Protein backbone atom coordinates (compact mmCIF):
# COMPACT_ATOMS: atom_id res chain seq x y z
CA MET A 1 -7.14 31.83 -17.73
CA VAL A 2 -9.78 30.02 -15.69
CA GLY A 3 -10.00 32.79 -13.14
CA MET A 4 -11.10 35.24 -15.84
CA THR A 5 -13.86 33.08 -17.38
CA HIS A 6 -17.10 35.00 -17.92
CA ALA A 7 -20.44 33.59 -16.83
CA ALA A 8 -21.83 32.65 -20.20
CA THR A 9 -24.16 29.90 -19.03
CA ASP A 10 -26.07 27.00 -20.50
CA SER A 11 -29.06 25.54 -18.73
CA LEU A 12 -28.80 21.83 -18.06
CA ASP A 13 -31.85 21.58 -15.82
CA ALA A 14 -34.84 23.50 -17.00
CA ALA A 15 -36.87 22.23 -14.05
CA GLY A 16 -34.79 24.04 -11.43
CA PRO A 17 -32.79 27.21 -10.78
CA GLU A 18 -29.46 25.55 -11.51
CA ARG A 19 -27.78 27.05 -14.53
CA VAL A 20 -24.36 25.58 -15.10
CA ASN A 21 -21.52 27.81 -16.25
CA MET A 22 -20.24 25.33 -18.82
CA GLY A 23 -17.33 27.54 -19.86
CA PHE A 24 -16.00 27.56 -16.32
CA VAL A 25 -16.69 23.85 -15.77
CA LEU A 26 -14.93 22.84 -18.98
CA ALA A 27 -11.95 25.06 -18.21
CA ILE A 28 -11.58 23.42 -14.79
CA VAL A 29 -11.92 19.93 -16.29
CA ALA A 30 -9.32 20.78 -18.95
CA VAL A 31 -6.77 21.74 -16.30
CA ALA A 32 -7.53 18.80 -14.01
CA THR A 33 -7.19 16.30 -16.83
CA ILE A 34 -3.65 17.46 -17.58
CA GLY A 35 -2.98 15.32 -14.53
CA GLY A 36 -4.32 12.40 -16.56
CA PHE A 37 -1.99 13.35 -19.41
CA MET A 38 0.97 13.30 -17.01
CA PHE A 39 -0.26 10.00 -15.58
CA GLY A 40 -0.19 8.55 -19.10
CA TYR A 41 3.06 10.18 -20.19
CA ASP A 42 5.00 9.20 -17.08
CA SER A 43 3.68 5.64 -17.37
CA GLY A 44 4.30 5.31 -21.11
CA VAL A 45 7.72 6.94 -21.39
CA ILE A 46 9.38 3.74 -20.13
CA ASN A 47 8.16 1.91 -23.27
CA GLY A 48 11.08 2.07 -25.66
CA THR A 49 13.78 2.85 -23.10
CA GLN A 50 14.37 -0.70 -21.83
CA GLU A 51 17.29 -1.42 -24.15
CA GLY A 52 19.01 1.77 -23.03
CA LEU A 53 18.41 0.93 -19.37
CA GLU A 54 19.72 -2.61 -19.81
CA ARG A 55 22.91 -1.40 -21.50
CA ALA A 56 23.53 1.51 -19.14
CA PHE A 57 22.92 -0.44 -15.93
CA GLN A 58 23.74 -4.04 -17.07
CA LEU A 59 20.30 -5.31 -16.03
CA THR A 60 19.04 -8.89 -15.91
CA SER A 61 15.44 -9.66 -16.87
CA PHE A 62 14.51 -9.35 -13.19
CA GLY A 63 16.40 -6.06 -12.95
CA THR A 64 14.56 -4.75 -15.99
CA GLY A 65 11.26 -5.63 -14.35
CA VAL A 66 12.25 -3.77 -11.18
CA ASN A 67 13.37 -0.66 -13.08
CA VAL A 68 10.21 -0.62 -15.21
CA ALA A 69 7.90 -1.28 -12.27
CA ALA A 70 9.61 1.05 -9.76
CA ILE A 71 7.19 3.82 -10.63
CA LEU A 72 4.28 1.60 -9.64
CA ILE A 73 5.31 1.22 -6.00
CA GLY A 74 5.41 5.00 -5.86
CA CYS A 75 2.00 5.08 -7.52
CA ALA A 76 0.53 2.77 -4.88
CA VAL A 77 1.96 4.91 -2.06
CA GLY A 78 0.94 8.14 -3.80
CA ALA A 79 -2.60 6.98 -4.46
CA TYR A 80 -3.04 5.77 -0.89
CA ALA A 81 -1.56 8.91 0.67
CA ALA A 82 -3.28 11.32 -1.71
CA GLY A 83 -6.77 10.29 -0.68
CA ARG A 84 -6.08 11.23 2.95
CA MET A 85 -3.93 14.27 2.13
CA ALA A 86 -6.67 15.59 -0.14
CA ASP A 87 -9.10 15.57 2.80
CA VAL A 88 -6.61 17.60 4.86
CA LEU A 89 -4.86 19.87 2.36
CA GLY A 90 -7.34 19.97 -0.50
CA ARG A 91 -7.63 18.33 -3.91
CA ARG A 92 -5.91 21.16 -5.80
CA THR A 93 -3.04 21.53 -3.32
CA VAL A 94 -2.13 17.84 -3.54
CA MET A 95 -2.29 17.96 -7.35
CA ILE A 96 0.16 20.89 -7.25
CA LEU A 97 2.53 18.76 -5.15
CA ALA A 98 2.14 15.98 -7.73
CA ALA A 99 3.14 18.34 -10.55
CA VAL A 100 6.33 19.27 -8.68
CA LEU A 101 7.15 15.56 -8.24
CA PHE A 102 6.65 14.98 -11.99
CA ILE A 103 9.28 17.60 -12.79
CA LEU A 104 11.82 16.31 -10.27
CA SER A 105 11.38 12.72 -11.38
CA ALA A 106 11.83 13.50 -15.08
CA LEU A 107 15.04 15.46 -14.49
CA VAL A 108 16.65 12.86 -12.22
CA ALA A 109 15.54 9.76 -14.17
CA GLY A 110 17.07 11.14 -17.35
CA ALA A 111 20.36 11.91 -15.63
CA ALA A 112 20.51 8.80 -13.40
CA PRO A 113 24.07 7.39 -13.20
CA SER A 114 22.93 4.08 -11.72
CA SER A 115 19.97 1.75 -11.50
CA ALA A 116 19.44 2.66 -7.84
CA ILE A 117 19.15 6.38 -8.59
CA PHE A 118 16.85 5.65 -11.52
CA VAL A 119 14.58 3.50 -9.35
CA VAL A 120 14.36 6.26 -6.72
CA ALA A 121 13.56 8.86 -9.39
CA ARG A 122 10.82 6.70 -10.87
CA PHE A 123 9.42 6.03 -7.39
CA VAL A 124 9.18 9.79 -6.82
CA GLY A 125 7.43 10.18 -10.16
CA GLY A 126 5.11 7.39 -9.12
CA LEU A 127 4.04 9.37 -6.06
CA GLY A 128 2.85 12.09 -8.44
CA VAL A 129 1.18 9.65 -10.82
CA GLY A 130 -0.64 7.90 -7.98
CA ALA A 131 -1.88 11.18 -6.56
CA ALA A 132 -3.03 12.48 -9.94
CA SER A 133 -4.70 9.17 -10.81
CA VAL A 134 -7.13 9.36 -7.89
CA LEU A 135 -7.50 13.12 -7.40
CA ALA A 136 -8.18 14.25 -10.96
CA PRO A 137 -11.32 12.07 -11.35
CA VAL A 138 -12.65 12.86 -7.88
CA TYR A 139 -12.02 16.59 -8.37
CA ILE A 140 -13.85 16.48 -11.71
CA SER A 141 -16.76 14.54 -10.20
CA GLU A 142 -17.05 17.14 -7.44
CA VAL A 143 -17.35 20.14 -9.76
CA THR A 144 -19.53 18.73 -12.57
CA PRO A 145 -23.32 18.21 -12.85
CA ALA A 146 -24.61 14.64 -12.43
CA LYS A 147 -26.17 14.59 -15.92
CA ILE A 148 -22.82 14.99 -17.66
CA ARG A 149 -20.47 13.81 -14.92
CA GLY A 150 -19.69 10.53 -16.67
CA ARG A 151 -18.79 12.21 -19.94
CA LEU A 152 -16.59 14.84 -18.34
CA SER A 153 -14.93 12.36 -15.98
CA SER A 154 -14.23 10.09 -18.97
CA ILE A 155 -12.05 12.83 -20.45
CA GLN A 156 -9.52 11.77 -17.80
CA GLN A 157 -9.00 8.47 -19.62
CA ILE A 158 -8.71 10.25 -22.98
CA MET A 159 -5.95 12.37 -21.51
CA ILE A 160 -4.25 9.33 -19.97
CA ILE A 161 -4.14 7.64 -23.35
CA THR A 162 -3.16 10.89 -25.05
CA GLY A 163 -0.25 11.12 -22.61
CA LEU A 164 0.74 7.52 -23.35
CA THR A 165 0.53 8.15 -27.09
CA ALA A 166 2.51 11.39 -26.78
CA ALA A 167 5.25 9.46 -24.97
CA PHE A 168 5.23 6.80 -27.70
CA VAL A 169 5.46 9.46 -30.43
CA VAL A 170 8.25 11.37 -28.68
CA ASN A 171 10.20 8.16 -28.06
CA TRP A 172 9.80 7.10 -31.68
CA VAL A 173 10.89 10.53 -33.00
CA LEU A 174 13.91 10.73 -30.69
CA ALA A 175 15.01 7.20 -31.58
CA LYS A 176 14.46 7.96 -35.28
CA VAL A 177 16.47 11.20 -35.18
CA ALA A 178 19.31 9.68 -33.16
CA GLY A 179 19.36 6.42 -35.11
CA GLY A 180 18.34 4.31 -32.10
CA SER A 181 17.35 4.69 -28.47
CA THR A 182 20.90 3.98 -27.29
CA VAL A 183 22.60 6.36 -29.77
CA ASP A 184 23.78 9.78 -28.54
CA LEU A 185 21.69 12.86 -29.26
CA PHE A 186 23.18 16.22 -28.21
CA GLY A 187 25.76 14.41 -26.11
CA HIS A 188 23.43 12.00 -24.32
CA PRO A 189 21.75 8.73 -25.34
CA ALA A 190 18.31 9.27 -26.85
CA TRP A 191 16.61 7.24 -24.09
CA ARG A 192 17.66 9.85 -21.51
CA TRP A 193 16.02 12.62 -23.54
CA MET A 194 12.83 10.56 -23.52
CA PHE A 195 12.58 11.26 -19.78
CA TRP A 196 13.73 14.87 -19.90
CA VAL A 197 11.10 15.90 -22.45
CA GLN A 198 8.31 15.18 -19.98
CA THR A 199 9.33 18.19 -17.87
CA ILE A 200 7.52 20.34 -20.46
CA PRO A 201 3.95 19.03 -19.89
CA ALA A 202 4.68 18.75 -16.15
CA ALA A 203 5.49 22.47 -15.99
CA VAL A 204 2.30 23.29 -17.93
CA PHE A 205 0.31 21.22 -15.41
CA LEU A 206 1.89 23.05 -12.47
CA VAL A 207 1.18 26.52 -13.83
CA SER A 208 -2.37 25.63 -14.92
CA LEU A 209 -3.32 24.31 -11.48
CA LEU A 210 -2.75 27.76 -10.03
CA THR A 211 -5.72 29.04 -12.08
CA ILE A 212 -8.47 26.72 -10.79
CA PRO A 213 -10.44 26.80 -7.50
CA GLU A 214 -10.51 24.21 -4.74
CA SER A 215 -13.27 21.58 -4.72
CA PRO A 216 -16.43 23.02 -3.07
CA ARG A 217 -17.08 19.70 -1.33
CA PHE A 218 -13.64 19.85 0.31
CA LEU A 219 -14.26 23.47 1.34
CA VAL A 220 -17.57 22.57 3.00
CA ALA A 221 -15.93 19.62 4.78
CA ARG A 222 -13.31 22.03 6.20
CA GLY A 223 -15.93 24.54 7.36
CA ARG A 224 -15.13 27.07 4.62
CA GLU A 225 -18.73 27.38 3.45
CA ASP A 226 -18.54 30.99 2.26
CA GLU A 227 -15.63 30.10 -0.03
CA ALA A 228 -17.49 26.99 -1.22
CA GLY A 229 -20.55 29.10 -1.93
CA ARG A 230 -18.52 31.46 -4.11
CA VAL A 231 -17.09 28.55 -6.11
CA LEU A 232 -20.53 26.95 -6.52
CA ALA A 233 -22.04 30.28 -7.55
CA ARG A 234 -19.55 30.45 -10.40
CA LEU A 235 -20.25 26.82 -11.30
CA MET A 236 -24.06 26.77 -11.19
CA GLY A 237 -25.35 30.26 -10.48
CA GLU A 238 -26.09 32.38 -7.41
CA ALA A 239 -29.57 30.90 -6.89
CA ALA A 240 -28.47 27.25 -6.74
CA ALA A 241 -25.28 27.70 -4.70
CA PRO A 242 -26.84 27.95 -1.19
CA ARG A 243 -28.97 24.86 -1.80
CA LYS A 244 -25.95 22.85 -2.97
CA VAL A 245 -23.88 23.98 0.04
CA ALA A 246 -26.69 22.81 2.32
CA GLU A 247 -26.88 19.43 0.55
CA ILE A 248 -23.15 18.87 0.91
CA ARG A 249 -23.22 19.97 4.56
CA ASP A 250 -26.09 17.60 5.33
CA SER A 251 -24.40 14.62 3.64
CA LEU A 252 -21.22 15.23 5.64
CA ALA A 253 -23.06 15.86 8.92
CA ARG A 254 -24.47 12.34 9.08
CA ASP A 255 -21.28 11.10 10.76
CA HIS A 256 -20.42 14.37 12.57
CA HIS A 257 -16.65 14.18 11.96
CA GLN A 258 -14.01 14.69 9.33
CA PRO A 259 -13.43 11.80 6.87
CA LYS A 260 -10.95 9.15 8.06
CA LEU A 261 -9.89 5.63 7.12
CA ALA A 262 -11.85 4.16 10.03
CA ASP A 263 -15.04 5.24 8.23
CA LEU A 264 -14.52 2.36 5.80
CA TYR A 265 -15.44 -0.01 8.62
CA ASP A 266 -19.16 -0.37 9.37
CA LYS A 267 -19.27 -0.57 13.16
CA SER A 268 -22.91 -1.66 13.27
CA ALA A 269 -22.32 -4.57 10.90
CA ARG A 270 -18.77 -5.15 12.20
CA LYS A 271 -17.25 -5.47 8.75
CA ILE A 272 -15.68 -3.45 5.95
CA ARG A 273 -18.35 -1.61 3.98
CA PRO A 274 -19.32 -3.60 0.85
CA ILE A 275 -18.75 -0.57 -1.40
CA VAL A 276 -15.06 -0.62 -0.38
CA TRP A 277 -14.63 -4.21 -1.60
CA VAL A 278 -16.37 -3.33 -4.86
CA GLY A 279 -14.01 -0.39 -5.34
CA ILE A 280 -10.97 -2.57 -4.65
CA GLY A 281 -12.29 -5.24 -7.02
CA LEU A 282 -12.78 -2.73 -9.85
CA ALA A 283 -9.29 -1.31 -9.29
CA VAL A 284 -7.54 -4.70 -9.19
CA PHE A 285 -9.35 -6.29 -12.14
CA GLN A 286 -8.47 -3.29 -14.31
CA GLN A 287 -4.84 -4.40 -13.94
CA LEU A 288 -5.22 -8.19 -13.88
CA VAL A 289 -6.37 -8.11 -17.51
CA GLY A 290 -2.80 -7.06 -18.39
CA ILE A 291 -3.36 -3.77 -20.22
CA ASN A 292 -0.15 -2.18 -19.01
CA ILE A 293 1.92 -5.00 -20.46
CA ILE A 294 0.99 -3.54 -23.85
CA PHE A 295 1.74 0.01 -22.67
CA TYR A 296 4.98 -0.67 -20.73
CA TYR A 297 6.47 -3.55 -22.71
CA GLY A 298 4.91 -3.04 -26.14
CA ALA A 299 8.21 -2.39 -27.90
CA VAL A 300 9.87 -5.40 -26.24
CA LEU A 301 6.85 -7.59 -26.91
CA TRP A 302 6.71 -6.88 -30.64
CA ARG A 303 10.47 -7.11 -31.06
CA SER A 304 10.36 -10.54 -29.37
CA VAL A 305 8.28 -11.86 -32.26
CA GLY A 306 10.34 -10.36 -35.07
CA PHE A 307 9.44 -6.64 -35.35
CA THR A 308 12.27 -4.12 -35.80
CA GLU A 309 12.67 -1.39 -33.14
CA ASN A 310 11.21 1.19 -35.54
CA ASP A 311 8.23 -1.03 -36.42
CA ALA A 312 7.64 -1.86 -32.74
CA LEU A 313 7.59 1.82 -31.76
CA GLN A 314 5.24 2.59 -34.65
CA THR A 315 2.93 -0.19 -33.46
CA ASN A 316 2.87 1.49 -30.03
CA VAL A 317 1.74 4.73 -31.68
CA LEU A 318 -1.00 2.86 -33.55
CA SER A 319 -2.25 1.33 -30.30
CA GLY A 320 -2.27 4.76 -28.69
CA VAL A 321 -4.29 6.37 -31.50
CA LEU A 322 -6.84 3.55 -31.45
CA SER A 323 -7.10 3.91 -27.68
CA ILE A 324 -7.90 7.62 -27.96
CA LEU A 325 -10.64 6.93 -30.52
CA ALA A 326 -12.11 4.23 -28.25
CA CYS A 327 -12.17 6.67 -25.33
CA PHE A 328 -14.17 9.15 -27.41
CA VAL A 329 -16.73 6.41 -28.06
CA ALA A 330 -16.86 5.72 -24.32
CA VAL A 331 -17.48 9.42 -23.63
CA GLY A 332 -20.49 9.28 -25.94
CA LEU A 333 -21.91 6.14 -24.34
CA ILE A 334 -21.18 6.31 -20.62
CA ASP A 335 -24.06 8.65 -19.71
CA ARG A 336 -26.39 7.03 -22.25
CA ILE A 337 -26.15 3.30 -21.52
CA GLY A 338 -24.40 3.47 -18.15
CA ARG A 339 -21.19 2.28 -16.53
CA LYS A 340 -22.07 -1.36 -15.85
CA PRO A 341 -23.00 -2.31 -19.46
CA LEU A 342 -19.70 -0.89 -20.72
CA LEU A 343 -17.76 -2.91 -18.16
CA LEU A 344 -19.55 -6.11 -19.18
CA ILE A 345 -18.93 -5.47 -22.88
CA GLY A 346 -15.26 -4.84 -22.17
CA SER A 347 -14.79 -7.95 -20.04
CA ALA A 348 -16.40 -10.23 -22.64
CA GLY A 349 -14.49 -8.68 -25.55
CA MET A 350 -11.14 -8.72 -23.78
CA THR A 351 -11.54 -12.39 -22.88
CA ILE A 352 -11.94 -13.29 -26.55
CA THR A 353 -9.18 -11.05 -27.92
CA LEU A 354 -6.65 -12.10 -25.25
CA LEU A 355 -7.28 -15.75 -26.08
CA LEU A 356 -6.64 -14.94 -29.76
CA VAL A 357 -3.35 -13.20 -28.84
CA ALA A 358 -2.29 -16.25 -26.82
CA TYR A 359 -3.15 -18.55 -29.74
CA ALA A 360 -1.17 -16.43 -32.19
CA PHE A 361 1.92 -16.50 -29.96
CA SER A 362 1.61 -20.28 -29.64
CA THR A 363 2.67 -20.51 -33.32
CA ALA A 364 5.94 -18.56 -32.85
CA GLN A 365 8.92 -20.13 -34.64
CA VAL A 366 12.69 -19.76 -34.20
CA HIS A 367 14.96 -19.41 -37.26
CA ASP A 368 18.72 -18.84 -36.80
CA GLY A 369 18.12 -17.67 -33.23
CA GLN A 370 15.46 -15.17 -34.28
CA VAL A 371 11.86 -15.51 -33.06
CA GLY A 372 9.08 -14.78 -35.52
CA LEU A 373 5.42 -15.44 -36.23
CA PRO A 374 4.03 -16.83 -39.48
CA HIS A 375 2.62 -13.95 -41.51
CA SER A 376 -1.03 -14.84 -40.88
CA MET A 377 -0.42 -15.28 -37.15
CA GLY A 378 1.49 -12.01 -36.99
CA LEU A 379 -1.52 -10.26 -38.47
CA LEU A 380 -3.84 -12.07 -36.02
CA ALA A 381 -1.65 -11.05 -33.06
CA LEU A 382 -1.51 -7.43 -34.24
CA PHE A 383 -5.26 -7.24 -34.93
CA SER A 384 -6.26 -8.99 -31.68
CA ALA A 385 -3.89 -6.96 -29.50
CA ASN A 386 -5.20 -3.69 -30.91
CA ALA A 387 -8.82 -4.88 -30.64
CA TYR A 388 -8.09 -5.72 -27.01
CA VAL A 389 -6.66 -2.23 -26.41
CA VAL A 390 -9.75 -0.66 -28.03
CA LEU A 391 -12.11 -2.75 -25.90
CA PHE A 392 -10.22 -1.84 -22.72
CA ASN A 393 -10.38 1.87 -23.49
CA LEU A 394 -14.03 1.60 -24.42
CA SER A 395 -14.81 0.14 -21.02
CA TRP A 396 -12.52 -0.58 -18.07
CA GLY A 397 -10.04 2.18 -18.89
CA PRO A 398 -12.37 5.16 -18.37
CA VAL A 399 -15.22 3.53 -16.45
CA MET A 400 -13.14 2.30 -13.51
CA TRP A 401 -11.79 5.79 -12.81
CA VAL A 402 -15.22 7.37 -13.30
CA MET A 403 -16.81 4.95 -10.83
CA LEU A 404 -14.07 5.36 -8.22
CA GLY A 405 -14.55 9.11 -8.40
CA GLU A 406 -18.31 8.94 -7.84
CA MET A 407 -19.35 5.64 -6.17
CA PHE A 408 -18.26 6.41 -2.60
CA PRO A 409 -20.46 8.52 -0.30
CA ASN A 410 -19.04 11.96 0.56
CA GLN A 411 -17.97 10.85 4.05
CA ILE A 412 -15.71 8.06 2.74
CA ARG A 413 -14.75 9.33 -0.70
CA GLY A 414 -11.20 10.28 0.29
CA PRO A 415 -10.47 7.13 2.34
CA GLY A 416 -12.23 4.92 -0.22
CA LEU A 417 -10.13 6.34 -3.03
CA ALA A 418 -6.99 5.93 -0.94
CA VAL A 419 -7.57 2.21 -0.46
CA ALA A 420 -8.89 1.47 -3.97
CA GLY A 421 -6.22 3.58 -5.64
CA GLY A 422 -3.48 1.94 -3.63
CA ALA A 423 -4.83 -1.50 -4.53
CA GLN A 424 -4.95 -0.55 -8.22
CA TRP A 425 -1.31 0.48 -8.33
CA LEU A 426 -0.16 -2.47 -6.22
CA ALA A 427 -1.85 -4.83 -8.71
CA ASN A 428 -0.26 -2.83 -11.54
CA PHE A 429 3.17 -3.32 -9.95
CA LEU A 430 2.71 -7.07 -9.49
CA ILE A 431 1.53 -7.58 -13.07
CA THR A 432 4.25 -5.37 -14.55
CA ALA A 433 7.16 -6.67 -12.47
CA SER A 434 6.18 -10.30 -13.08
CA PHE A 435 5.86 -10.02 -16.87
CA PRO A 436 9.56 -10.42 -17.82
CA VAL A 437 9.85 -13.49 -15.58
CA MET A 438 6.54 -14.97 -16.78
CA GLN A 439 7.50 -14.35 -20.40
CA SER A 440 10.87 -16.07 -20.04
CA SER A 441 9.78 -18.95 -17.78
CA LEU A 442 6.17 -19.66 -18.77
CA GLY A 443 6.01 -18.18 -22.26
CA LEU A 444 3.62 -15.68 -23.82
CA VAL A 445 0.85 -18.26 -24.31
CA VAL A 446 0.44 -18.98 -20.59
CA THR A 447 0.97 -15.32 -19.69
CA TYR A 448 -1.77 -14.06 -21.99
CA GLY A 449 -3.95 -17.01 -21.02
CA PHE A 450 -3.80 -15.75 -17.42
CA TYR A 451 -4.88 -12.26 -18.51
CA ALA A 452 -7.76 -13.79 -20.49
CA LEU A 453 -8.90 -15.76 -17.43
CA SER A 454 -8.80 -12.58 -15.36
CA ALA A 455 -11.00 -10.82 -17.93
CA LEU A 456 -13.51 -13.67 -17.73
CA VAL A 457 -13.63 -13.51 -13.91
CA SER A 458 -14.06 -9.72 -14.10
CA PHE A 459 -17.25 -10.27 -16.13
CA VAL A 460 -18.73 -12.36 -13.31
CA PHE A 461 -17.59 -9.80 -10.71
CA VAL A 462 -19.32 -6.92 -12.49
CA ARG A 463 -22.47 -8.92 -13.18
CA LYS A 464 -22.87 -9.92 -9.53
CA LEU A 465 -21.51 -7.05 -7.44
CA VAL A 466 -21.28 -3.75 -9.32
CA HIS A 467 -24.24 -1.34 -9.18
CA GLU A 468 -24.99 1.44 -11.67
CA THR A 469 -24.14 5.04 -10.68
CA ARG A 470 -25.32 6.84 -13.83
CA GLY A 471 -27.28 10.05 -13.16
CA ARG A 472 -27.07 9.91 -9.35
CA GLU A 473 -25.96 12.94 -7.34
CA LEU A 474 -22.81 12.41 -5.24
CA GLU A 475 -24.81 13.30 -2.12
CA ASP A 476 -27.11 10.33 -2.87
CA MET A 477 -24.37 7.68 -2.96
CA VAL A 478 -24.59 5.06 -0.22
CA GLY A 479 -22.07 2.48 0.93
């Protein structure tokens, strides 16, 4: 358990007294990133259950969009509320509440007798996802050394994609064993078991959170400096702990009050702080490029162009595996070349691959009421879509969360995350809920063309407005 980790230390800064207890740091990061796994699992479990939902609740295309996207409204509320709650209750405490919500949501969603109950259950799960999405990266950034903060924070995205992939694999296995997602398994349709299974990782997350300490930066902000000193001593050694407590205290003392949303407004300049707009822009563009259409509607998307249910679910698994590999590459690069170069590479690459996906879908043909792609175009669509997923997870996937966790000064980190996280999930909801309607009314070519245009605009946004944060201490961030 984390609480029993011995102080076998590795020196990361030979020039100073700080000797980081890497065993303890890694154990904390491992627990915190289970929140990322749950974020991914709870988001990805819906992929493959749409047919079951449509049959059980007699949904229209609009109704399907609402049921799929219900979690995202909860995510927006959870992300917004979590930033403020974390400044009052603590990062770990709010993550514990999120774990409880994950369990409740999974149980009720699987047993839901109606669309209304299902939507409420997914909304509750969304509260947990939203909270975990903003608190896990900020918690990690607050307990890790600046030199390796990017790499360790990037593990969050690996766990998100691992959670997505685990959901895809579980869904595929359950559908395979039952003979289809709508076929009974142990007395209930397989799609219901897809939700119930997620109670297992949620329970692991809940129990694991009880073994890690509270963020030292939160403890200092609440006047609990002795407790913060003990945590920091375990993280970086007895000699460095008092100095770090003093640095955190000084950075918080500049405004002489507890963090609040009003801090996002610069009274001297009479405008919202520029760093807040940059954070919102990063959060929104991550969704406007359409990545969650692949993750939420992948099975429906591939079946719409001729794939069988089994092949479509297998394609989801392939996308998940490639995403994990791409995240590992990002972990190796983020502290070497920086955050901004990765974002620019991702934006440029996604623009090209999304245009290729749109072109491939423009060749879709209908035979005897069945939609299909010519063989060569099917291969192009499959290759381009997976290349797009790889590029996203090499760049915007991990980097956006890393930057949101570290770019805001201490005084506005909680409020900044609340606003940016809420904006991210609101954009996610709008993109996800609109996809079924856009697909049916505008077609896949126009839909993916819009995502490609968004990727192109994101390149300009990063080039002009985003500043590098690699290697900077959190106490040195300015807004």
